[in-house]
Amino acid sequence: MPISLSFFRILPAEQGEWLRPDSTVQRGLLPELASQPGNARLILVAPSEAITLHRVPLPGRNRALWARAVPYALEDQLIDDIETVHFAMAHVPEGNSLPVATLDHTMLRGWLETCAQAGLTPTAVIPDVLLLPWQDGDWSVLVENGRAVVRTGRWEGFALEQESLALFLEQALAEAGDAQPQRLRIWGSPPPQLTASSMAWQVEEEPGEPLQLFAAGYQPPTILNLLQGPYSRQTQWKRRLRPWRPAAILAGVWLLLQGIALVYEHQQLRREQVTLQVKMEEVYKNAVPGATRIVNPKAQMEARLRELTPTDARGGLFLDLLYHGGQPLADFTDITLRSLNYREGQLDLALEGGNPATLDQLRQRFEQQPNVRAEMRTTQREGRLESRVTLKKAAS
């Protein structure tokens, strides 16, 4: 599906005119154009009176060098300082020369500010002289509202007051020499009388509106978009994003630190998992002497307990005491279960490690277990604390 384009011009008193999708021309306040439905690309048609078209010798084949070389190549042809002039180049050279358009920075900025105030963002700003229909052997002239726009070549043309059209046109024909056009086409007004030339005019009646004519003459290969350099859309986006660059850098650093923290946390959890696995294997070896093949200590311990579980009521008491003894012990990682023994309704746990404070907390936890009577004794051997816990069913 072809891209939809909407051509518009800026008129005095914040007015404008634009080409509607049905090819009719509408005039009104510029904000009205911004409220139009659709997502057509806006093409601002710029008055060529403020623009000068040049050809400069091609400054090499490297396009990256053109922007630096062109201002100095045209410096002698310009009245104003090159720092105040905007240079826009054709996308491709014409033979051994490069088409260039120049205009004052303040002029282009003024157009863009007017558009911005109306809520418009043009994707291209094109001189109206390069939107007149053109083909080899023709010169095209548009006369409207006391002004005349003349296109004399693919990349050549000028705009001036209507009353000066005949004089400048005869001068241009004289300078063209053997390259004079085969015909002159004119839109919008009866042709002026040329005293120094017998060339005939071809009066065109359609399209009737200048914007319709510009849309018909739009040919991408011969378009020179003034939105280049500091006015290009890419540069404008960079300028808009520049205030956010520090925040983006900080966000990137924060994400990097978060990633590093996650990796560190994962490695730490992995080390803790390995340590816990080793402790579980030690507990299993102490509880099941002679065990050699340990794959899953937790599952193997549960299977071993099922094998040892009696089928009478005493088996239920054993599991109950084991449950109430294991619950408090699980919260004290610095205390190791060395062995356990169950006989005649009494469960004995042999513990190692901890310190007096944690052992006192563990004792209180045992004593808080419901329906269980707990006794805990602690001794010190070779610098290590050893404790023995006796769990019995509390009297009813």
Protein backbone atom coordinates (compact mmCIF):
# COMPACT_ATOMS: atom_id res chain seq x y z
CA MET A 1 0.00 0.00 0.00
CA PRO A 2 1.54 3.35 -1.05
CA ILE A 3 2.38 5.85 1.65
CA SER A 4 -0.19 8.65 1.92
CA LEU A 5 1.23 12.17 1.57
CA SER A 6 -0.39 15.45 2.57
CA PHE A 7 1.01 18.63 0.97
CA PHE A 8 0.48 21.92 2.78
CA ARG A 9 1.69 25.54 2.72
CA ILE A 10 1.98 28.23 5.38
CA LEU A 11 0.00 31.40 4.65
CA PRO A 12 0.05 34.77 6.47
CA ALA A 13 -1.85 35.33 9.75
CA GLU A 14 -1.37 31.75 10.98
CA GLN A 15 -3.37 30.49 8.04
CA GLY A 16 -2.55 27.57 5.82
CA GLU A 17 -3.79 25.49 2.95
CA TRP A 18 -3.54 21.75 2.50
CA LEU A 19 -4.48 19.07 0.05
CA ARG A 20 -7.22 16.77 1.30
CA PRO A 21 -7.29 13.02 0.54
CA ASP A 22 -9.93 13.69 -2.14
CA SER A 23 -7.44 16.08 -3.86
CA THR A 24 -9.43 19.17 -2.98
CA VAL A 25 -7.69 22.12 -1.33
CA GLN A 26 -8.79 23.33 2.09
CA ARG A 27 -7.81 26.65 3.68
CA GLY A 28 -7.99 27.61 7.33
CA LEU A 29 -6.02 27.81 10.54
CA LEU A 30 -3.04 25.46 10.59
CA PRO A 31 -4.20 23.65 13.78
CA GLU A 32 -7.19 22.45 11.74
CA LEU A 33 -4.78 20.41 9.63
CA ALA A 34 -3.35 18.80 12.77
CA SER A 35 -6.85 17.64 13.74
CA GLN A 36 -7.48 15.95 10.39
CA PRO A 37 -7.99 12.15 10.64
CA GLY A 38 -5.44 9.76 9.16
CA ASN A 39 -1.71 9.32 9.44
CA ALA A 40 -0.49 10.82 6.18
CA ARG A 41 3.07 12.12 6.01
CA LEU A 42 3.11 15.92 5.94
CA ILE A 43 5.07 17.64 3.16
CA LEU A 44 5.65 21.35 3.72
CA VAL A 45 5.89 23.20 0.39
CA ALA A 46 8.41 26.01 0.94
CA PRO A 47 8.41 29.29 -1.03
CA SER A 48 11.44 29.34 -3.32
CA GLU A 49 11.94 33.11 -2.90
CA ALA A 50 13.84 32.26 0.31
CA ILE A 51 15.85 29.45 -1.29
CA THR A 52 18.73 29.46 -3.77
CA LEU A 53 19.59 26.41 -5.87
CA HIS A 54 23.23 25.67 -6.74
CA ARG A 55 25.38 23.06 -8.39
CA VAL A 56 28.85 22.41 -6.99
CA PRO A 57 31.57 20.11 -8.32
CA LEU A 58 31.15 16.72 -6.69
CA PRO A 59 33.41 16.76 -3.58
CA GLY A 60 34.44 13.11 -3.83
CA ARG A 61 32.33 9.97 -3.68
CA ASN A 62 32.21 9.78 0.11
CA ARG A 63 28.87 11.30 1.12
CA ALA A 64 30.07 11.71 4.70
CA LEU A 65 32.48 14.42 3.45
CA TRP A 66 29.90 16.38 1.46
CA ALA A 67 28.37 18.21 4.42
CA ARG A 68 31.79 19.59 5.40
CA ALA A 69 32.99 20.39 1.88
CA VAL A 70 29.87 22.02 0.37
CA PRO A 71 29.77 25.20 2.55
CA TYR A 72 33.34 26.09 1.61
CA ALA A 73 32.70 25.31 -2.06
CA LEU A 74 29.84 27.87 -2.06
CA GLU A 75 31.36 30.41 0.32
CA ASP A 76 32.34 32.85 -2.45
CA GLN A 77 28.83 32.74 -3.96
CA LEU A 78 27.02 33.62 -0.73
CA ILE A 79 26.42 37.09 0.68
CA ASP A 80 25.81 35.91 4.24
CA ASP A 81 28.26 34.19 6.55
CA ILE A 82 28.19 30.42 6.01
CA GLU A 83 27.47 29.96 9.75
CA THR A 84 24.04 31.57 9.22
CA VAL A 85 23.22 29.51 6.12
CA HIS A 86 21.65 26.05 5.99
CA PHE A 87 22.88 23.70 3.24
CA ALA A 88 20.72 20.85 1.93
CA MET A 89 22.05 18.41 -0.66
CA ALA A 90 20.45 16.03 -3.12
CA HIS A 91 20.62 12.38 -2.15
CA VAL A 92 22.48 11.47 -5.33
CA PRO A 93 24.81 13.54 -7.53
CA GLU A 94 23.90 14.69 -11.01
CA GLY A 95 26.83 13.54 -13.11
CA ASN A 96 29.95 15.18 -11.70
CA SER A 97 28.04 17.86 -9.80
CA LEU A 98 26.00 17.94 -6.63
CA PRO A 99 22.69 19.86 -6.42
CA VAL A 100 22.52 22.02 -3.28
CA ALA A 101 19.86 24.30 -1.82
CA THR A 102 20.74 27.14 0.56
CA LEU A 103 18.60 29.30 2.84
CA ASP A 104 18.91 31.22 6.06
CA HIS A 105 18.72 29.19 9.28
CA THR A 106 16.27 31.65 10.81
CA MET A 107 13.89 31.23 7.87
CA LEU A 108 13.76 27.43 8.14
CA ARG A 109 13.52 27.55 11.93
CA GLY A 110 10.62 30.01 11.63
CA TRP A 111 8.67 27.63 9.38
CA LEU A 112 9.28 24.70 11.70
CA GLU A 113 8.31 26.72 14.80
CA THR A 114 5.06 27.75 13.10
CA CYS A 115 4.35 24.10 12.35
CA ALA A 116 5.18 23.04 15.90
CA GLN A 117 2.85 25.66 17.39
CA ALA A 118 0.07 24.26 15.21
CA GLY A 119 0.85 20.68 16.24
CA LEU A 120 2.35 19.71 12.88
CA THR A 121 5.54 17.73 12.27
CA PRO A 122 6.48 17.70 8.58
CA THR A 123 8.53 14.77 7.33
CA ALA A 124 9.94 16.88 4.50
CA VAL A 125 10.28 20.54 3.51
CA ILE A 126 10.62 20.89 -0.27
CA PRO A 127 11.11 24.05 -2.39
CA ASP A 128 8.01 24.62 -4.49
CA VAL A 129 10.11 25.20 -7.62
CA LEU A 130 11.25 21.54 -7.49
CA LEU A 131 7.64 20.37 -7.26
CA LEU A 132 6.58 21.87 -10.60
CA PRO A 133 6.08 19.21 -13.29
CA TRP A 134 9.20 18.92 -15.43
CA GLN A 135 10.65 16.82 -18.23
CA ASP A 136 13.56 17.19 -20.63
CA GLY A 137 12.98 19.98 -23.14
CA ASP A 138 10.41 21.81 -20.97
CA TRP A 139 10.45 24.81 -18.69
CA SER A 140 7.52 25.13 -16.29
CA VAL A 141 6.04 28.37 -14.90
CA LEU A 142 3.44 28.86 -12.18
CA VAL A 143 1.88 32.29 -11.65
CA GLU A 144 -0.21 32.95 -8.53
CA ASN A 145 -1.02 35.87 -6.26
CA GLY A 146 1.52 38.23 -7.80
CA ARG A 147 4.41 35.77 -7.76
CA ALA A 148 5.94 33.48 -10.36
CA VAL A 149 7.79 30.18 -9.88
CA VAL A 150 9.97 28.98 -12.77
CA ARG A 151 11.55 25.54 -13.11
CA THR A 152 14.27 25.44 -15.76
CA GLY A 153 15.80 22.02 -15.08
CA ARG A 154 15.79 18.93 -12.92
CA TRP A 155 17.53 20.81 -10.10
CA GLU A 156 17.26 24.42 -11.35
CA GLY A 157 14.69 27.17 -10.99
CA PHE A 158 13.81 30.43 -9.28
CA ALA A 159 10.89 32.44 -7.89
CA LEU A 160 10.22 36.16 -8.22
CA GLU A 161 7.54 38.83 -8.48
CA GLN A 162 5.12 38.34 -11.38
CA GLU A 163 5.87 41.74 -12.88
CA SER A 164 9.54 40.76 -13.34
CA LEU A 165 8.79 37.39 -14.93
CA ALA A 166 9.20 38.43 -18.59
CA LEU A 167 12.54 40.18 -17.96
CA PHE A 168 14.11 37.35 -15.98
CA LEU A 169 12.70 34.68 -18.28
CA GLU A 170 14.22 36.33 -21.37
CA GLN A 171 17.55 36.61 -19.54
CA ALA A 172 17.40 32.93 -18.56
CA LEU A 173 16.62 31.93 -22.16
CA ALA A 174 19.54 33.98 -23.43
CA GLU A 175 21.92 32.40 -20.93
CA ALA A 176 20.67 28.90 -21.84
CA GLY A 177 21.98 29.26 -25.42
CA ASP A 178 21.75 25.91 -27.20
CA ALA A 179 20.11 24.38 -24.08
CA GLN A 180 16.95 26.43 -24.54
CA PRO A 181 13.71 24.51 -23.93
CA GLN A 182 11.55 23.22 -26.71
CA ARG A 183 8.41 24.57 -25.06
CA LEU A 184 7.29 26.78 -22.17
CA ARG A 185 4.40 25.53 -20.02
CA ILE A 186 2.50 27.95 -17.80
CA TRP A 187 -0.17 27.49 -15.13
CA GLY A 188 -2.35 30.09 -13.46
CA SER A 189 -2.10 33.13 -15.73
CA PRO A 190 -1.88 34.22 -19.35
CA PRO A 191 1.75 34.04 -20.49
CA PRO A 192 3.82 37.22 -20.63
CA GLN A 193 4.95 38.57 -23.98
CA LEU A 194 8.61 37.72 -24.73
CA THR A 195 10.11 40.32 -27.02
CA ALA A 196 13.51 38.72 -27.46
CA SER A 197 12.25 35.20 -28.11
CA SER A 198 9.79 33.70 -30.53
CA MET A 199 9.22 30.66 -28.34
CA ALA A 200 5.55 29.71 -28.03
CA TRP A 201 3.74 29.17 -24.77
CA GLN A 202 1.65 26.14 -23.86
CA VAL A 203 -1.04 27.23 -21.45
CA GLU A 204 -2.08 24.52 -18.97
CA GLU A 205 -5.46 24.67 -17.26
CA GLU A 206 -5.21 21.55 -15.10
CA PRO A 207 -4.55 21.11 -12.26
CA GLY A 208 -6.20 24.34 -11.23
CA GLU A 209 -4.77 24.68 -7.71
CA PRO A 210 -1.03 25.11 -7.00
CA LEU A 211 -1.04 22.37 -4.33
CA GLN A 212 -2.62 19.98 -6.80
CA LEU A 213 0.11 20.90 -9.27
CA PHE A 214 2.85 20.33 -6.66
CA ALA A 215 1.42 16.94 -5.72
CA ALA A 216 1.35 15.95 -9.40
CA GLY A 217 4.97 17.06 -9.82
CA TYR A 218 6.24 15.17 -6.77
CA GLN A 219 8.93 12.77 -8.00
CA PRO A 220 11.12 11.26 -5.22
CA PRO A 221 14.26 10.96 -7.41
CA THR A 222 14.25 14.75 -7.97
CA ILE A 223 13.23 15.81 -4.46
CA LEU A 224 15.55 17.89 -2.32
CA ASN A 225 14.40 17.71 1.30
CA LEU A 226 15.58 20.69 3.37
CA LEU A 227 15.30 18.69 6.62
CA GLN A 228 18.94 17.67 6.77
CA GLY A 229 21.75 18.09 9.27
CA PRO A 230 20.44 19.67 12.48
CA TYR A 231 16.88 19.57 11.11
CA SER A 232 16.75 15.89 10.16
CA ARG A 233 14.23 13.74 12.00
CA GLN A 234 17.04 11.56 13.32
CA THR A 235 18.84 14.58 14.76
CA GLN A 236 15.60 15.87 16.29
CA TRP A 237 15.01 12.53 18.00
CA LYS A 238 18.56 12.55 19.35
CA ARG A 239 18.00 16.08 20.65
CA ARG A 240 14.77 15.02 22.37
CA LEU A 241 16.40 11.96 23.89
CA ARG A 242 19.54 13.80 25.05
CA PRO A 243 17.99 15.00 28.38
CA TRP A 244 17.06 11.38 29.12
CA ARG A 245 20.54 10.02 28.42
CA PRO A 246 21.80 10.29 32.05
CA ALA A 247 18.65 8.57 33.30
CA ALA A 248 19.07 5.84 30.68
CA ILE A 249 22.69 5.35 31.72
CA LEU A 250 21.68 5.11 35.38
CA ALA A 251 18.93 2.65 34.48
CA GLY A 252 21.44 0.56 32.53
CA VAL A 253 23.88 0.58 35.45
CA TRP A 254 21.07 -0.36 37.83
CA LEU A 255 20.01 -3.27 35.61
CA LEU A 256 23.63 -4.41 35.38
CA LEU A 257 24.00 -4.32 39.17
CA GLN A 258 20.72 -6.18 39.55
CA GLY A 259 21.98 -8.84 37.17
CA ILE A 260 25.24 -9.17 39.08
CA ALA A 261 23.31 -9.39 42.36
CA LEU A 262 21.06 -12.13 40.97
CA VAL A 263 24.07 -14.12 39.77
CA TYR A 264 25.76 -13.72 43.16
CA GLU A 265 22.56 -14.73 44.98
CA HIS A 266 22.17 -17.76 42.74
CA GLN A 267 25.74 -18.85 43.43
CA GLN A 268 25.27 -18.30 47.17
CA LEU A 269 22.07 -20.37 47.19
CA ARG A 270 23.88 -23.06 45.25
CA ARG A 271 26.66 -23.16 47.85
CA GLU A 272 24.09 -23.32 50.66
CA GLN A 273 22.33 -26.15 48.86
CA VAL A 274 25.58 -28.10 48.61
CA THR A 275 26.31 -27.46 52.31
CA LEU A 276 22.80 -28.60 53.27
CA GLN A 277 23.19 -31.72 51.15
CA VAL A 278 26.43 -32.58 52.97
CA LYS A 279 24.78 -32.09 56.37
CA MET A 280 21.82 -34.26 55.37
CA GLU A 281 24.21 -37.01 54.30
CA GLU A 282 26.01 -36.77 57.66
CA VAL A 283 22.71 -37.05 59.55
CA TYR A 284 21.70 -40.05 57.44
CA LYS A 285 25.04 -41.80 58.07
CA ASN A 286 24.68 -41.22 61.81
CA ALA A 287 21.08 -42.44 61.83
CA VAL A 288 21.77 -45.42 59.54
CA PRO A 289 25.24 -46.78 60.38
CA GLY A 290 26.83 -48.71 57.55
CA ALA A 291 25.03 -46.85 54.75
CA THR A 292 27.33 -46.43 51.76
CA ARG A 293 25.20 -45.34 48.79
CA ILE A 294 23.50 -42.00 49.48
CA VAL A 295 21.59 -40.45 46.58
CA ASN A 296 18.68 -38.60 48.21
CA PRO A 297 19.15 -38.46 51.99
CA LYS A 298 15.65 -37.10 52.66
CA ALA A 299 13.85 -39.76 50.62
CA GLN A 300 16.13 -42.52 51.91
CA MET A 301 15.53 -41.44 55.53
CA GLU A 302 11.76 -41.46 55.00
CA ALA A 303 11.97 -44.93 53.46
CA ARG A 304 14.13 -46.16 56.35
CA LEU A 305 11.67 -44.76 58.89
CA ARG A 306 8.80 -46.52 57.15
CA GLU A 307 10.74 -49.76 57.40
CA LEU A 308 11.34 -49.20 61.11
CA THR A 309 7.86 -47.95 61.94
CA PRO A 310 6.00 -50.46 64.16
CA THR A 311 2.44 -51.28 63.29
CA ASP A 312 1.15 -50.94 66.86
CA ALA A 313 0.26 -47.78 68.77
CA ARG A 314 3.87 -47.32 69.86
CA GLY A 315 4.78 -46.61 66.25
CA GLY A 316 2.44 -43.63 66.26
CA LEU A 317 4.06 -42.32 69.44
CA PHE A 318 7.53 -42.60 67.88
CA LEU A 319 6.53 -40.56 64.84
CA ASP A 320 4.80 -38.00 67.04
CA LEU A 321 7.91 -37.54 69.20
CA LEU A 322 10.13 -37.46 66.10
CA TYR A 323 7.96 -34.74 64.57
CA HIS A 324 7.98 -32.57 67.71
CA GLY A 325 11.70 -33.05 68.08
CA GLY A 326 12.55 -32.26 64.48
CA GLN A 327 10.47 -29.08 64.21
CA PRO A 328 12.49 -26.95 66.68
CA LEU A 329 15.78 -28.44 65.56
CA ALA A 330 15.26 -27.38 61.93
CA ASP A 331 15.56 -23.70 62.88
CA PHE A 332 19.05 -24.02 64.42
CA THR A 333 21.49 -24.60 61.58
CA ASP A 334 24.57 -24.47 63.82
CA ILE A 335 23.37 -27.47 65.86
CA THR A 336 23.93 -30.93 64.35
CA LEU A 337 21.92 -34.09 65.08
CA ARG A 338 24.50 -36.83 65.73
CA SER A 339 22.13 -39.72 66.48
CA LEU A 340 18.68 -40.64 67.72
CA ASN A 341 17.36 -43.59 69.71
CA TYR A 342 13.81 -44.66 70.52
CA ARG A 343 12.93 -47.13 73.26
CA GLU A 344 9.77 -47.74 75.26
CA GLY A 345 8.05 -44.44 74.52
CA GLN A 346 11.18 -42.32 74.90
CA LEU A 347 13.11 -40.59 72.10
CA ASP A 348 16.72 -39.60 72.79
CA LEU A 349 18.45 -37.09 70.52
CA ALA A 350 22.24 -36.60 70.58
CA LEU A 351 23.18 -33.08 69.45
CA GLU A 352 26.45 -31.28 68.85
CA GLY A 353 27.35 -27.61 68.36
CA GLY A 354 25.71 -24.29 69.11
CA ASN A 355 26.45 -21.99 72.01
CA PRO A 356 24.85 -21.53 75.43
CA ALA A 357 22.43 -18.87 74.14
CA THR A 358 21.19 -20.87 71.14
CA LEU A 359 21.01 -24.07 73.20
CA ASP A 360 18.88 -22.26 75.77
CA GLN A 361 16.58 -21.08 72.98
CA LEU A 362 16.38 -24.63 71.65
CA ARG A 363 15.51 -25.94 75.12
CA GLN A 364 12.68 -23.41 75.36
CA ARG A 365 11.40 -24.48 71.96
CA PHE A 366 11.37 -28.13 73.03
CA GLU A 367 9.50 -27.26 76.21
CA GLN A 368 6.89 -25.32 74.20
CA GLN A 369 5.98 -28.37 72.09
CA PRO A 370 2.42 -29.48 72.94
CA ASN A 371 1.83 -32.87 74.61
CA VAL A 372 5.56 -33.48 74.95
CA ARG A 373 7.78 -33.45 78.03
CA ALA A 374 11.36 -32.52 77.20
CA GLU A 375 14.59 -32.71 79.17
CA MET A 376 17.86 -31.30 77.86
CA ARG A 377 21.36 -31.72 79.27
CA THR A 378 24.49 -30.07 77.87
CA THR A 379 28.14 -30.92 78.47
CA GLN A 380 31.39 -29.65 76.95
CA ARG A 381 33.96 -31.97 75.43
CA GLU A 382 37.17 -30.86 73.68
CA GLY A 383 35.81 -27.36 73.18
CA ARG A 384 32.54 -28.57 71.66
CA LEU A 385 29.11 -28.50 73.29
CA GLU A 386 27.26 -31.81 73.30
CA SER A 387 23.62 -32.02 74.27
CA ARG A 388 21.21 -34.87 74.92
CA VAL A 389 17.50 -34.32 74.62
CA THR A 390 14.93 -36.74 76.00
CA LEU A 391 11.38 -36.48 74.67
CA LYS A 392 8.41 -38.26 76.26
CA LYS A 393 4.68 -38.01 75.91
CA ALA A 394 3.32 -35.62 78.53
CA ALA A 395 0.99 -37.03 81.15
CA SER A 396 -2.69 -36.49 80.40
